Amino acid sequence: MKAVLVEENTHRLYIGESDEPIMGDDELLVSVQATALNRADLLQKRGLYPPPKGASDIMGLEMAGVVEKAGKNTTGFKPGDRVCALLPGGGYAERVTIPADMAIRIPDHFSFVQAAAIPEVFLTAYLNLFWLGGLRKDHTVLIHAGASGVGTAAIQLVREAGGTSIVTAGSEEKRRTCLDLGASLAIDYKEGPFKPKVKEATDGQGVNIILDFIGAPYWEQNLSCLAIDGRLIIIGTMGGSKVPEFNLGQLLSRRLQVIGTALRSRSVKDKIALTKEFVEFAMPRFADGRLKPIIDSVWDLEQIQEAHTYMENNKNTGKIVIQIQK
């Protein structure tokens, strides 16, 4: 089958041939129609984020497609059904296998492009807000990289849970998108420290949850922005991972929690539980329009290298989707 492969020395992407996936008794074989880019892909192609043991070494953490075959132990899905799903890898290919219990039925009015933009970012946001953050309707959440895929998903989930979100974003267009999705305040991080504006917006109390992709450069401001019993959830370290000095006292005095998170390395059992809980909460909201995938752009498979460069240059607002088959 066709798949996107990586040149070992240059890390450039190209379309080549790969072995067909082998379907298990509890799995579905899916013909992939569309996939989407994630920052983990940028790391994986450089050898910095290997797939979990036993997973495909082909990139791609989500997909939308059509069931070709269903394993003998599966129920609820049949050939021809339209599904999307989170993947440990393998989305940049014509076919992939998935545990049947992780398949999400695509709403009838959704295209494959729309569906491909849902699994990774919405499940990541749901995991970090609800499972790790303990999100409640009286909570305020600070979301860094608010116009990213996870950011735009998180804004909507906070809104639907009755909470309040504050975001940081680097352009007027991105900030406007965040506000349109329901953020109460969008801060231009290029203008200077975000801490004073967060404190002002919360009457000096701080926020209950922070979703951070930046890491070390935001460490001190993040901790200062947390309310008592607040939780800093570190999703990425795009700006660096080493903090030179850290006073543990503020964790104790304000009962703060710092949580590291990674969805890809979680067990299949965890991912199934997460998917089922997310489906119950979110799919009725996708069906009636309260939730929506935010799509920046759609690229053909042959443009995969250009699409990666586009993401590396931080040009996207929302998801970058790749059409595997037209």
Protein backbone atom coordinates (compact mmCIF):
# COMPACT_ATOMS: atom_id res chain seq x y z
CA MET A 1 0.00 0.00 0.00
CA LYS A 2 1.01 3.65 -0.40
CA ALA A 3 2.37 5.36 2.70
CA VAL A 4 4.41 8.40 3.65
CA LEU A 5 7.96 7.39 4.51
CA VAL A 6 10.97 9.32 5.83
CA GLU A 7 14.42 9.66 4.28
CA GLU A 8 16.73 8.64 7.10
CA ASN A 9 19.48 11.21 6.57
CA THR A 10 17.51 14.27 5.45
CA HIS A 11 14.23 13.60 7.33
CA ARG A 12 12.35 14.55 4.18
CA LEU A 13 9.04 12.86 3.49
CA TYR A 14 8.18 10.89 0.39
CA ILE A 15 5.45 8.53 -0.79
CA GLY A 16 6.56 4.91 -1.02
CA GLU A 17 5.30 1.36 -0.53
CA SER A 18 4.73 -0.26 2.87
CA ASP A 19 3.38 -3.60 4.05
CA GLU A 20 -0.37 -3.94 4.51
CA PRO A 21 -1.45 -3.90 8.18
CA ILE A 22 -2.55 -7.22 9.68
CA MET A 23 -5.96 -7.08 11.33
CA GLY A 24 -6.57 -8.78 14.68
CA ASP A 25 -9.79 -10.44 15.83
CA ASP A 26 -10.74 -7.40 17.93
CA GLU A 27 -9.86 -4.87 15.25
CA LEU A 28 -11.20 -3.13 12.18
CA LEU A 29 -9.34 -2.72 8.90
CA VAL A 30 -10.03 0.80 7.66
CA SER A 31 -9.40 2.40 4.28
CA VAL A 32 -8.01 5.79 5.23
CA GLN A 33 -9.60 8.73 3.43
CA ALA A 34 -8.02 11.56 5.41
CA THR A 35 -5.55 12.13 8.22
CA ALA A 36 -4.25 15.23 10.01
CA LEU A 37 -0.94 16.64 11.16
CA ASN A 38 0.18 16.85 14.77
CA ARG A 39 3.35 18.30 16.26
CA ALA A 40 4.32 14.81 17.39
CA ASP A 41 4.74 13.99 13.68
CA LEU A 42 7.37 16.72 13.36
CA LEU A 43 9.33 15.13 16.20
CA GLN A 44 8.88 11.54 14.99
CA LYS A 45 10.30 12.20 11.53
CA ARG A 46 13.50 13.44 13.21
CA GLY A 47 13.71 10.36 15.43
CA LEU A 48 12.77 12.27 18.59
CA TYR A 49 9.38 10.68 19.31
CA PRO A 50 9.34 6.96 18.46
CA PRO A 51 6.01 5.13 18.31
CA PRO A 52 4.97 2.89 21.22
CA LYS A 53 6.16 -0.72 21.15
CA GLY A 54 4.21 -2.73 18.61
CA ALA A 55 2.73 0.31 16.85
CA SER A 56 3.24 1.16 13.19
CA ASP A 57 6.37 3.19 12.49
CA ILE A 58 4.41 5.16 9.88
CA MET A 59 3.44 8.62 11.10
CA GLY A 60 -0.14 9.72 11.66
CA LEU A 61 -1.98 9.83 14.99
CA GLU A 62 -5.55 9.98 13.68
CA MET A 63 -7.61 9.21 10.64
CA ALA A 64 -11.06 9.08 9.10
CA GLY A 65 -12.07 6.36 6.69
CA VAL A 66 -14.28 3.44 5.71
CA VAL A 67 -14.33 0.03 7.36
CA GLU A 68 -13.12 -2.64 4.91
CA LYS A 69 -13.19 -5.64 7.26
CA ALA A 70 -14.25 -6.32 10.84
CA GLY A 71 -12.53 -8.87 13.11
CA LYS A 72 -14.53 -11.88 14.26
CA ASN A 73 -14.74 -10.64 17.86
CA THR A 74 -15.99 -7.16 16.99
CA THR A 75 -19.54 -5.85 17.22
CA GLY A 76 -21.22 -2.65 16.16
CA PHE A 77 -19.31 -1.99 12.94
CA LYS A 78 -19.47 -3.52 9.48
CA PRO A 79 -17.79 -2.97 6.10
CA GLY A 80 -18.85 0.35 4.64
CA ASP A 81 -19.24 2.16 7.96
CA ARG A 82 -17.57 5.58 8.21
CA VAL A 83 -15.33 5.92 11.26
CA CYS A 84 -12.61 8.09 12.70
CA ALA A 85 -10.17 7.19 15.45
CA LEU A 86 -7.10 8.01 17.47
CA LEU A 87 -4.02 6.03 16.40
CA PRO A 88 -0.63 5.19 17.93
CA GLY A 89 0.70 5.56 14.37
CA GLY A 90 -0.06 4.58 10.79
CA GLY A 91 -2.41 7.34 9.67
CA TYR A 92 -0.21 8.48 6.78
CA ALA A 93 -1.12 5.37 4.77
CA GLU A 94 -3.90 3.91 2.64
CA ARG A 95 -5.01 1.41 5.29
CA VAL A 96 -4.75 1.03 9.04
CA THR A 97 -6.05 -1.29 11.74
CA ILE A 98 -7.71 -0.01 14.91
CA PRO A 99 -9.23 -1.62 17.99
CA ALA A 100 -12.96 -1.69 17.25
CA ASP A 101 -13.70 -0.15 20.66
CA MET A 102 -11.72 2.96 19.70
CA ALA A 103 -13.70 3.60 16.51
CA ILE A 104 -15.90 6.71 16.50
CA ARG A 105 -18.84 6.72 14.12
CA ILE A 106 -18.70 9.80 11.87
CA PRO A 107 -21.84 11.99 11.94
CA ASP A 108 -23.77 11.70 8.68
CA HIS A 109 -23.29 15.35 7.72
CA PHE A 110 -19.53 15.33 8.35
CA SER A 111 -16.99 14.88 5.57
CA PHE A 112 -13.92 12.71 6.03
CA VAL A 113 -11.84 15.90 6.16
CA GLN A 114 -13.90 17.23 9.07
CA ALA A 115 -13.82 13.89 10.89
CA ALA A 116 -10.04 13.53 10.53
CA ALA A 117 -9.61 16.80 12.44
CA ILE A 118 -11.35 15.49 15.57
CA PRO A 119 -9.66 12.51 17.30
CA GLU A 120 -6.19 13.58 18.39
CA VAL A 121 -6.86 17.16 19.43
CA PHE A 122 -10.27 16.69 21.00
CA LEU A 123 -9.27 13.54 22.88
CA THR A 124 -6.07 15.24 24.06
CA ALA A 125 -8.01 18.27 25.23
CA TYR A 126 -10.67 16.12 26.92
CA LEU A 127 -8.05 14.00 28.70
CA ASN A 128 -6.21 17.01 30.05
CA LEU A 129 -9.21 19.11 30.99
CA PHE A 130 -11.49 16.49 32.51
CA TRP A 131 -9.36 13.51 33.54
CA LEU A 132 -6.26 15.39 34.69
CA GLY A 133 -7.54 18.91 35.26
CA GLY A 134 -10.81 18.02 37.00
CA LEU A 135 -12.60 20.74 35.03
CA ARG A 136 -15.74 22.16 36.65
CA LYS A 137 -18.18 24.83 35.50
CA ASP A 138 -16.78 27.38 37.96
CA HIS A 139 -13.20 26.91 36.71
CA THR A 140 -11.08 29.28 34.65
CA VAL A 141 -8.55 27.71 32.29
CA LEU A 142 -5.48 29.34 30.73
CA ILE A 143 -4.80 27.76 27.34
CA HIS A 144 -1.48 28.50 25.68
CA ALA A 145 -1.25 28.19 21.88
CA GLY A 146 -4.99 28.84 21.86
CA ALA A 147 -5.27 28.75 18.07
CA SER A 148 -3.59 25.35 17.73
CA GLY A 149 -5.57 22.19 17.12
CA VAL A 150 -5.64 21.23 20.80
CA GLY A 151 -6.17 24.86 21.78
CA THR A 152 -9.25 25.36 19.61
CA ALA A 153 -10.67 22.05 20.85
CA ALA A 154 -9.99 22.97 24.49
CA ILE A 155 -11.71 26.36 24.19
CA GLN A 156 -14.86 24.66 22.96
CA LEU A 157 -14.80 21.93 25.60
CA VAL A 158 -14.32 24.47 28.40
CA ARG A 159 -17.25 26.47 27.03
CA GLU A 160 -19.48 23.39 26.83
CA ALA A 161 -18.57 22.44 30.41
CA GLY A 162 -19.63 25.90 31.59
CA GLY A 163 -16.10 27.10 32.38
CA THR A 164 -14.16 30.19 31.33
CA SER A 165 -11.06 30.18 29.14
CA ILE A 166 -8.22 32.66 28.67
CA VAL A 167 -5.80 32.04 25.80
CA THR A 168 -2.47 33.22 24.48
CA ALA A 169 -1.92 33.53 20.73
CA GLY A 170 0.53 35.39 18.52
CA SER A 171 -1.55 37.08 15.83
CA GLU A 172 -4.71 39.16 15.67
CA GLU A 173 -6.35 36.59 13.38
CA LYS A 174 -5.60 33.74 15.78
CA ARG A 175 -6.84 35.71 18.78
CA ARG A 176 -10.05 36.59 16.96
CA THR A 177 -10.65 32.91 16.19
CA CYS A 178 -10.19 32.03 19.86
CA LEU A 179 -12.65 34.70 20.96
CA ASP A 180 -15.18 33.55 18.37
CA LEU A 181 -14.95 30.02 19.78
CA GLY A 182 -15.76 31.24 23.28
CA ALA A 183 -12.55 32.41 24.97
CA SER A 184 -13.18 35.33 27.34
CA LEU A 185 -9.76 36.91 26.77
CA ALA A 186 -7.06 36.44 24.12
CA ILE A 187 -3.59 37.69 25.08
CA ASP A 188 -0.84 38.59 22.60
CA TYR A 189 2.18 36.85 24.11
CA LYS A 190 4.47 38.85 21.81
CA GLU A 191 3.58 42.09 23.59
CA GLY A 192 5.12 41.01 26.89
CA PRO A 193 4.36 38.89 29.97
CA PHE A 194 0.92 37.33 30.09
CA LYS A 195 0.84 37.09 33.90
CA PRO A 196 -0.43 40.64 34.62
CA LYS A 197 -3.35 40.26 32.21
CA VAL A 198 -4.30 36.85 33.61
CA LYS A 199 -4.20 38.20 37.15
CA GLU A 200 -6.29 41.22 36.18
CA ALA A 201 -8.86 39.07 34.39
CA THR A 202 -9.26 36.83 37.44
CA ASP A 203 -9.34 39.62 40.04
CA GLY A 204 -5.97 38.49 41.31
CA GLN A 205 -7.13 34.95 42.07
CA GLY A 206 -5.43 33.17 39.17
CA VAL A 207 -6.68 30.27 37.06
CA ASN A 208 -7.60 26.75 38.10
CA ILE A 209 -6.01 24.90 35.17
CA ILE A 210 -3.26 25.73 32.69
CA LEU A 211 -2.68 23.78 29.47
CA ASP A 212 0.90 24.49 28.40
CA PHE A 213 2.74 23.47 25.24
CA ILE A 214 5.69 25.85 25.69
CA GLY A 215 7.49 24.55 28.78
CA ALA A 216 10.49 26.20 30.42
CA PRO A 217 10.04 29.81 29.19
CA TYR A 218 6.56 29.97 30.73
CA TRP A 219 7.37 28.06 33.93
CA GLU A 220 7.55 30.95 36.42
CA GLN A 221 4.63 32.88 34.95
CA ASN A 222 2.50 29.74 34.82
CA LEU A 223 3.02 28.96 38.50
CA SER A 224 2.31 32.57 39.45
CA CYS A 225 -0.93 32.49 37.42
CA LEU A 226 -2.35 29.45 39.24
CA ALA A 227 -5.00 29.83 41.90
CA ILE A 228 -4.79 27.84 45.14
CA ASP A 229 -5.13 24.12 44.30
CA GLY A 230 -4.42 24.96 40.66
CA ARG A 231 -3.07 22.44 38.17
CA LEU A 232 -0.38 23.08 35.56
CA ILE A 233 -0.66 20.44 32.84
CA ILE A 234 2.40 20.26 30.61
CA ILE A 235 1.48 18.93 27.16
CA GLY A 236 4.64 19.95 25.33
CA THR A 237 7.98 21.74 25.65
CA MET A 238 8.21 23.63 22.37
CA GLY A 239 10.21 26.41 24.03
CA GLY A 240 12.55 24.20 26.05
CA SER A 241 12.43 21.61 28.82
CA LYS A 242 15.02 22.72 31.40
CA VAL A 243 14.11 25.11 34.20
CA PRO A 244 17.30 26.53 35.79
CA GLU A 245 15.90 27.15 39.27
CA PHE A 246 12.73 26.16 41.03
CA ASN A 247 11.45 26.87 44.53
CA LEU A 248 9.33 23.92 45.68
CA GLY A 249 7.86 26.08 48.44
CA GLN A 250 5.22 27.64 46.22
CA LEU A 251 3.85 24.20 45.36
CA LEU A 252 3.36 23.53 49.05
CA SER A 253 2.08 26.92 50.14
CA ARG A 254 -0.59 27.10 47.41
CA ARG A 255 -1.17 23.34 47.03
CA LEU A 256 -0.28 23.39 43.34
CA GLN A 257 -0.02 20.36 41.08
CA VAL A 258 2.30 20.00 38.09
CA ILE A 259 1.23 17.20 35.76
CA GLY A 260 3.08 15.82 32.75
CA THR A 261 0.90 14.22 30.12
CA ALA A 262 1.16 12.17 26.92
CA LEU A 263 -1.81 10.51 25.27
CA ARG A 264 0.12 8.40 22.78
CA SER A 265 1.86 6.27 25.41
CA ARG A 266 -1.29 5.46 27.37
CA SER A 267 -2.57 1.90 27.30
CA VAL A 268 -5.19 0.73 24.80
CA LYS A 269 -7.50 0.16 27.78
CA ASP A 270 -7.13 3.81 28.80
CA LYS A 271 -7.68 5.02 25.25
CA ILE A 272 -10.82 2.94 24.89
CA ALA A 273 -12.22 4.32 28.15
CA LEU A 274 -11.30 7.85 27.10
CA THR A 275 -12.87 7.41 23.66
CA LYS A 276 -16.14 6.07 25.07
CA GLU A 277 -16.44 8.89 27.62
CA PHE A 278 -15.58 11.49 24.99
CA VAL A 279 -18.12 10.07 22.53
CA GLU A 280 -20.89 10.30 25.13
CA PHE A 281 -20.03 13.93 25.92
CA ALA A 282 -19.03 15.26 22.53
CA MET A 283 -20.72 13.47 19.65
CA PRO A 284 -24.22 14.85 20.34
CA ARG A 285 -22.59 18.28 20.38
CA PHE A 286 -20.84 17.65 17.06
CA ALA A 287 -24.13 16.42 15.62
CA ASP A 288 -26.03 19.62 16.50
CA GLY A 289 -23.17 22.04 15.83
CA ARG A 290 -22.21 23.08 19.36
CA LEU A 291 -18.76 21.56 18.76
CA LYS A 292 -16.88 21.75 15.48
CA PRO A 293 -13.44 20.80 14.18
CA ILE A 294 -11.42 23.87 13.25
CA ILE A 295 -9.65 23.25 9.95
CA ASP A 296 -6.90 25.55 8.75
CA SER A 297 -6.17 23.95 5.41
CA VAL A 298 -6.49 20.76 3.35
CA TRP A 299 -3.56 19.29 1.40
CA ASP A 300 -3.17 16.41 -1.01
CA LEU A 301 -1.01 13.47 0.02
CA GLU A 302 1.60 14.51 -2.55
CA GLN A 303 1.98 17.81 -0.65
CA ILE A 304 2.88 16.19 2.67
CA GLN A 305 6.36 17.75 2.85
CA GLU A 306 4.96 21.22 2.16
CA ALA A 307 2.25 20.69 4.78
CA HIS A 308 4.88 19.78 7.39
CA THR A 309 6.87 22.91 6.55
CA TYR A 310 3.70 24.96 6.91
CA MET A 311 3.16 23.59 10.43
CA GLU A 312 6.83 24.03 11.35
CA ASN A 313 6.45 27.72 10.49
CA ASN A 314 3.46 28.01 12.90
CA LYS A 315 1.16 29.28 10.18
CA ASN A 316 -1.89 27.21 11.03
CA THR A 317 -4.98 28.09 13.02
CA GLY A 318 -6.60 24.77 13.84
CA LYS A 319 -5.91 21.53 12.01
CA ILE A 320 -3.93 20.77 8.86
CA VAL A 321 -5.68 17.89 7.10
CA ILE A 322 -4.20 15.55 4.48
CA GLN A 323 -6.43 13.80 1.94
CA ILE A 324 -5.12 10.27 1.51
CA GLN A 325 -7.69 9.28 -1.09
CA LYS A 326 -9.99 11.52 -3.11
